């Protein structure tokens, strides 16, 4: 008879994955403070259902991506998009990163999850709750946009 394991300890998951989730949130929003708020909200929203979450990291990544999408929708409604803030350790800032910031929120999310988080397309589709074929199309369009912008 196989013993059933309980859900992973929330504090342990927080310690192990907080920094990676902060990096993801920062890359999606361009703001360190907003990224911290998104990660905090993701963990807070998970607490009531923690005992039912089988895979915490994918759940938390999806929560951060969803929170970032909500943030971008609110910002678009307010007609004021946030400007990226400088941080002490930004990602490899070059003209490519500048052009990534100019992509639509969906395309930027796909590029970040693929190339900065190194997720396969199937996992990106799960995190974004989109069909894999749509994610592939989003990535292709984003890369075409980046090529054009960088060739100019």
C-alpha atoms as a PDB file:
ATOM      1  CA  UNK A   1       0.000   0.000   0.000  1.00  0.00           C
ATOM      2  CA  UNK A   2       1.415   3.355  -1.060  1.00  0.00           C
ATOM      3  CA  UNK A   3       1.414   6.153   1.486  1.00  0.00           C
ATOM      4  CA  UNK A   4      -0.200   9.360   0.292  1.00  0.00           C
ATOM      5  CA  UNK A   5       2.014  12.385   0.553  1.00  0.00           C
ATOM      6  CA  UNK A   6       0.475  15.642   1.654  1.00  0.00           C
ATOM      7  CA  UNK A   7       0.852  18.993  -0.033  1.00  0.00           C
ATOM      8  CA  UNK A   8       4.312  20.539   0.077  1.00  0.00           C
ATOM      9  CA  UNK A   9       5.025  22.897   2.920  1.00  0.00           C
ATOM     10  CA  UNK A  10       4.042  26.448   1.909  1.00  0.00           C
ATOM     11  CA  UNK A  11       7.035  28.019   3.671  1.00  0.00           C
ATOM     12  CA  UNK A  12       9.448  25.670   1.881  1.00  0.00           C
ATOM     13  CA  UNK A  13       7.866  26.367  -1.511  1.00  0.00           C
ATOM     14  CA  UNK A  14       8.030  30.103  -0.779  1.00  0.00           C
ATOM     15  CA  UNK A  15      11.730  29.919   0.107  1.00  0.00           C
ATOM     16  CA  UNK A  16      12.606  27.777  -2.905  1.00  0.00           C
ATOM     17  CA  UNK A  17      10.626  29.584  -5.598  1.00  0.00           C
ATOM     18  CA  UNK A  18      10.082  33.190  -4.465  1.00  0.00           C
ATOM     19  CA  UNK A  19      13.143  34.607  -6.263  1.00  0.00           C
ATOM     20  CA  UNK A  20      12.328  32.851  -9.538  1.00  0.00           C
ATOM     21  CA  UNK A  21       8.734  34.036  -9.374  1.00  0.00           C
ATOM     22  CA  UNK A  22       9.908  37.590  -8.617  1.00  0.00           C
ATOM     23  CA  UNK A  23      12.139  37.456 -11.679  1.00  0.00           C
ATOM     24  CA  UNK A  24       9.224  36.287 -13.820  1.00  0.00           C
ATOM     25  CA  UNK A  25       6.941  39.005 -12.425  1.00  0.00           C
ATOM     26  CA  UNK A  26       9.589  41.683 -12.984  1.00  0.00           C
ATOM     27  CA  UNK A  27      10.145  40.569 -16.560  1.00  0.00           C
ATOM     28  CA  UNK A  28       6.390  40.674 -17.203  1.00  0.00           C
ATOM     29  CA  UNK A  29       5.738  44.071 -15.603  1.00  0.00           C
ATOM     30  CA  UNK A  30       9.040  45.948 -15.753  1.00  0.00           C
ATOM     31  CA  UNK A  31       8.605  46.971 -12.131  1.00  0.00           C
ATOM     32  CA  UNK A  32      10.290  45.430  -9.133  1.00  0.00           C
ATOM     33  CA  UNK A  33       7.624  46.683  -6.714  1.00  0.00           C
ATOM     34  CA  UNK A  34       4.770  45.528  -8.953  1.00  0.00           C
ATOM     35  CA  UNK A  35       6.507  42.159  -9.321  1.00  0.00           C
ATOM     36  CA  UNK A  36       6.694  41.772  -5.548  1.00  0.00           C
ATOM     37  CA  UNK A  37       2.990  42.619  -5.292  1.00  0.00           C
ATOM     38  CA  UNK A  38       2.130  40.007  -7.930  1.00  0.00           C
ATOM     39  CA  UNK A  39       4.139  37.265  -6.210  1.00  0.00           C
ATOM     40  CA  UNK A  40       2.629  38.154  -2.841  1.00  0.00           C
ATOM     41  CA  UNK A  41      -0.865  38.039  -4.357  1.00  0.00           C
ATOM     42  CA  UNK A  42      -0.127  34.664  -5.995  1.00  0.00           C
ATOM     43  CA  UNK A  43       0.946  33.098  -2.695  1.00  0.00           C
ATOM     44  CA  UNK A  44      -1.897  34.749  -0.787  1.00  0.00           C
ATOM     45  CA  UNK A  45      -4.507  33.483  -3.222  1.00  0.00           C
ATOM     46  CA  UNK A  46      -3.035  29.957  -2.982  1.00  0.00           C
ATOM     47  CA  UNK A  47      -3.290  29.700   0.812  1.00  0.00           C
ATOM     48  CA  UNK A  48      -7.007  28.778   1.052  1.00  0.00           C
ATOM     49  CA  UNK A  49      -6.607  25.938  -1.468  1.00  0.00           C
ATOM     50  CA  UNK A  50      -3.021  24.936  -0.663  1.00  0.00           C
ATOM     51  CA  UNK A  51      -3.965  21.407   0.397  1.00  0.00           C
ATOM     52  CA  UNK A  52      -5.526  20.791  -3.039  1.00  0.00           C
ATOM     53  CA  UNK A  53      -2.660  22.135  -5.173  1.00  0.00           C
ATOM     54  CA  UNK A  54      -0.728  19.175  -6.529  1.00  0.00           C
ATOM     55  CA  UNK A  55       1.994  21.078  -8.400  1.00  0.00           C
ATOM     56  CA  UNK A  56       2.701  24.368  -6.631  1.00  0.00           C
ATOM     57  CA  UNK A  57       5.267  25.891  -9.010  1.00  0.00           C
ATOM     58  CA  UNK A  58       3.163  25.671 -12.205  1.00  0.00           C
ATOM     59  CA  UNK A  59       0.155  26.900 -10.204  1.00  0.00           C
ATOM     60  CA  UNK A  60       2.106  29.889  -8.869  1.00  0.00           C
ATOM     61  CA  UNK A  61       3.628  30.723 -12.285  1.00  0.00           C
ATOM     62  CA  UNK A  62       0.181  30.727 -13.809  1.00  0.00           C
ATOM     63  CA  UNK A  63      -1.100  32.954 -10.987  1.00  0.00           C
ATOM     64  CA  UNK A  64       1.756  35.435 -11.590  1.00  0.00           C
ATOM     65  CA  UNK A  65       1.126  35.458 -15.361  1.00  0.00           C
ATOM     66  CA  UNK A  66      -2.605  36.008 -14.776  1.00  0.00           C
ATOM     67  CA  UNK A  67      -1.931  38.780 -12.266  1.00  0.00           C
ATOM     68  CA  UNK A  68       0.443  40.463 -14.748  1.00  0.00           C
ATOM     69  CA  UNK A  69      -2.190  40.262 -17.490  1.00  0.00           C
ATOM     70  CA  UNK A  70      -4.710  41.875 -15.135  1.00  0.00           C
ATOM     71  CA  UNK A  71      -2.158  44.579 -14.332  1.00  0.00           C
ATOM     72  CA  UNK A  72      -1.639  45.334 -18.041  1.00  0.00           C
ATOM     73  CA  UNK A  73      -5.400  45.423 -18.692  1.00  0.00           C
ATOM     74  CA  UNK A  74      -5.902  47.900 -15.833  1.00  0.00           C
ATOM     75  CA  UNK A  75      -3.028  50.043 -17.075  1.00  0.00           C
ATOM     76  CA  UNK A  76      -4.438  50.063 -20.617  1.00  0.00           C
ATOM     77  CA  UNK A  77      -7.858  51.126 -19.295  1.00  0.00           C
ATOM     78  CA  UNK A  78      -6.221  53.960 -17.400  1.00  0.00           C
ATOM     79  CA  UNK A  79      -4.308  54.915 -20.571  1.00  0.00           C
ATOM     80  CA  UNK A  80      -1.069  55.095 -18.645  1.00  0.00           C
ATOM     81  CA  UNK A  81       1.287  52.236 -19.179  1.00  0.00           C
ATOM     82  CA  UNK A  82       3.940  51.752 -16.512  1.00  0.00           C
ATOM     83  CA  UNK A  83       7.477  52.654 -17.466  1.00  0.00           C
ATOM     84  CA  UNK A  84      10.100  50.083 -16.590  1.00  0.00           C
ATOM     85  CA  UNK A  85      12.081  51.054 -13.513  1.00  0.00           C
ATOM     86  CA  UNK A  86      15.803  50.515 -13.258  1.00  0.00           C
ATOM     87  CA  UNK A  87      16.856  47.843 -10.785  1.00  0.00           C
ATOM     88  CA  UNK A  88      20.216  46.899  -9.437  1.00  0.00           C
ATOM     89  CA  UNK A  89      20.385  43.652 -11.418  1.00  0.00           C
ATOM     90  CA  UNK A  90      18.281  43.988 -14.566  1.00  0.00           C
ATOM     91  CA  UNK A  91      18.209  41.241 -17.158  1.00  0.00           C
ATOM     92  CA  UNK A  92      20.726  41.476 -19.980  1.00  0.00           C
ATOM     93  CA  UNK A  93      19.780  44.986 -21.023  1.00  0.00           C
ATOM     94  CA  UNK A  94      20.512  45.570 -24.648  1.00  0.00           C
ATOM     95  CA  UNK A  95      18.550  46.575 -27.700  1.00  0.00           C
ATOM     96  CA  UNK A  96      16.862  43.157 -27.776  1.00  0.00           C
ATOM     97  CA  UNK A  97      15.501  43.663 -24.265  1.00  0.00           C
ATOM     98  CA  UNK A  98      14.318  47.144 -25.249  1.00  0.00           C
ATOM     99  CA  UNK A  99      12.423  45.671 -28.201  1.00  0.00           C
ATOM    100  CA  UNK A 100      10.934  42.911 -26.008  1.00  0.00           C
ATOM    101  CA  UNK A 101       9.441  45.653 -23.842  1.00  0.00           C
ATOM    102  CA  UNK A 102       7.704  47.004 -26.978  1.00  0.00           C
ATOM    103  CA  UNK A 103       5.886  43.721 -27.693  1.00  0.00           C
ATOM    104  CA  UNK A 104       2.239  43.260 -26.767  1.00  0.00           C
ATOM    105  CA  UNK A 105       1.731  41.833 -23.259  1.00  0.00           C
ATOM    106  CA  UNK A 106       0.830  38.392 -24.666  1.00  0.00           C
ATOM    107  CA  UNK A 107       3.825  38.237 -26.999  1.00  0.00           C
ATOM    108  CA  UNK A 108       6.153  39.557 -24.284  1.00  0.00           C
ATOM    109  CA  UNK A 109       4.857  36.883 -21.880  1.00  0.00           C
ATOM    110  CA  UNK A 110       5.456  34.108 -24.422  1.00  0.00           C
ATOM    111  CA  UNK A 111       9.000  35.328 -25.183  1.00  0.00           C
ATOM    112  CA  UNK A 112       9.865  35.685 -21.492  1.00  0.00           C
ATOM    113  CA  UNK A 113       8.483  32.264 -20.571  1.00  0.00           C
ATOM    114  CA  UNK A 114      10.255  30.644 -23.532  1.00  0.00           C
ATOM    115  CA  UNK A 115      13.668  32.293 -23.469  1.00  0.00           C
ATOM    116  CA  UNK A 116      14.084  33.650 -19.931  1.00  0.00           C
ATOM    117  CA  UNK A 117      12.235  30.916 -18.032  1.00  0.00           C
ATOM    118  CA  UNK A 118      13.262  28.242 -20.593  1.00  0.00           C
ATOM    119  CA  UNK A 119       9.822  26.610 -20.632  1.00  0.00           C
ATOM    120  CA  UNK A 120       8.733  24.381 -23.495  1.00  0.00           C
ATOM    121  CA  UNK A 121       5.743  25.554 -25.542  1.00  0.00           C
ATOM    122  CA  UNK A 122       3.420  23.009 -23.946  1.00  0.00           C
ATOM    123  CA  UNK A 123       4.152  24.365 -20.465  1.00  0.00           C
ATOM    124  CA  UNK A 124       3.798  27.942 -21.681  1.00  0.00           C
ATOM    125  CA  UNK A 125       0.389  27.027 -23.076  1.00  0.00           C
ATOM    126  CA  UNK A 126      -0.605  25.574 -19.704  1.00  0.00           C
ATOM    127  CA  UNK A 127       0.672  28.598 -17.767  1.00  0.00           C
ATOM    128  CA  UNK A 128      -1.122  31.027 -20.091  1.00  0.00           C
ATOM    129  CA  UNK A 129      -4.219  28.842 -20.506  1.00  0.00           C
ATOM    130  CA  UNK A 130      -3.932  29.028 -24.294  1.00  0.00           C
ATOM    131  CA  UNK A 131      -3.779  26.276 -26.913  1.00  0.00           C
ATOM    132  CA  UNK A 132      -0.223  25.219 -27.813  1.00  0.00           C
ATOM    133  CA  UNK A 133      -0.792  26.174 -31.472  1.00  0.00           C
ATOM    134  CA  UNK A 134      -1.785  29.690 -30.423  1.00  0.00           C
ATOM    135  CA  UNK A 135       1.318  29.997 -28.264  1.00  0.00           C
ATOM    136  CA  UNK A 136       3.434  28.841 -31.219  1.00  0.00           C
ATOM    137  CA  UNK A 137       1.805  31.531 -33.400  1.00  0.00           C
ATOM    138  CA  UNK A 138       2.308  34.185 -30.711  1.00  0.00           C
ATOM    139  CA  UNK A 139       5.982  33.250 -30.427  1.00  0.00           C
ATOM    140  CA  UNK A 140       6.454  33.264 -34.205  1.00  0.00           C
ATOM    141  CA  UNK A 141       4.851  36.722 -34.531  1.00  0.00           C
ATOM    142  CA  UNK A 142       6.890  38.068 -31.623  1.00  0.00           C
ATOM    143  CA  UNK A 143      10.146  36.788 -33.118  1.00  0.00           C
ATOM    144  CA  UNK A 144       9.232  38.272 -36.530  1.00  0.00           C
ATOM    145  CA  UNK A 145       8.544  41.610 -34.858  1.00  0.00           C
ATOM    146  CA  UNK A 146      11.862  41.452 -33.000  1.00  0.00           C
ATOM    147  CA  UNK A 147      13.791  40.568 -36.162  1.00  0.00           C
ATOM    148  CA  UNK A 148      12.281  43.511 -38.050  1.00  0.00           C
ATOM    149  CA  UNK A 149      12.915  45.911 -35.193  1.00  0.00           C
ATOM    150  CA  UNK A 150      16.505  44.758 -34.674  1.00  0.00           C
ATOM    151  CA  UNK A 151      17.327  44.803 -38.414  1.00  0.00           C
ATOM    152  CA  UNK A 152      16.269  48.461 -38.700  1.00  0.00           C
END
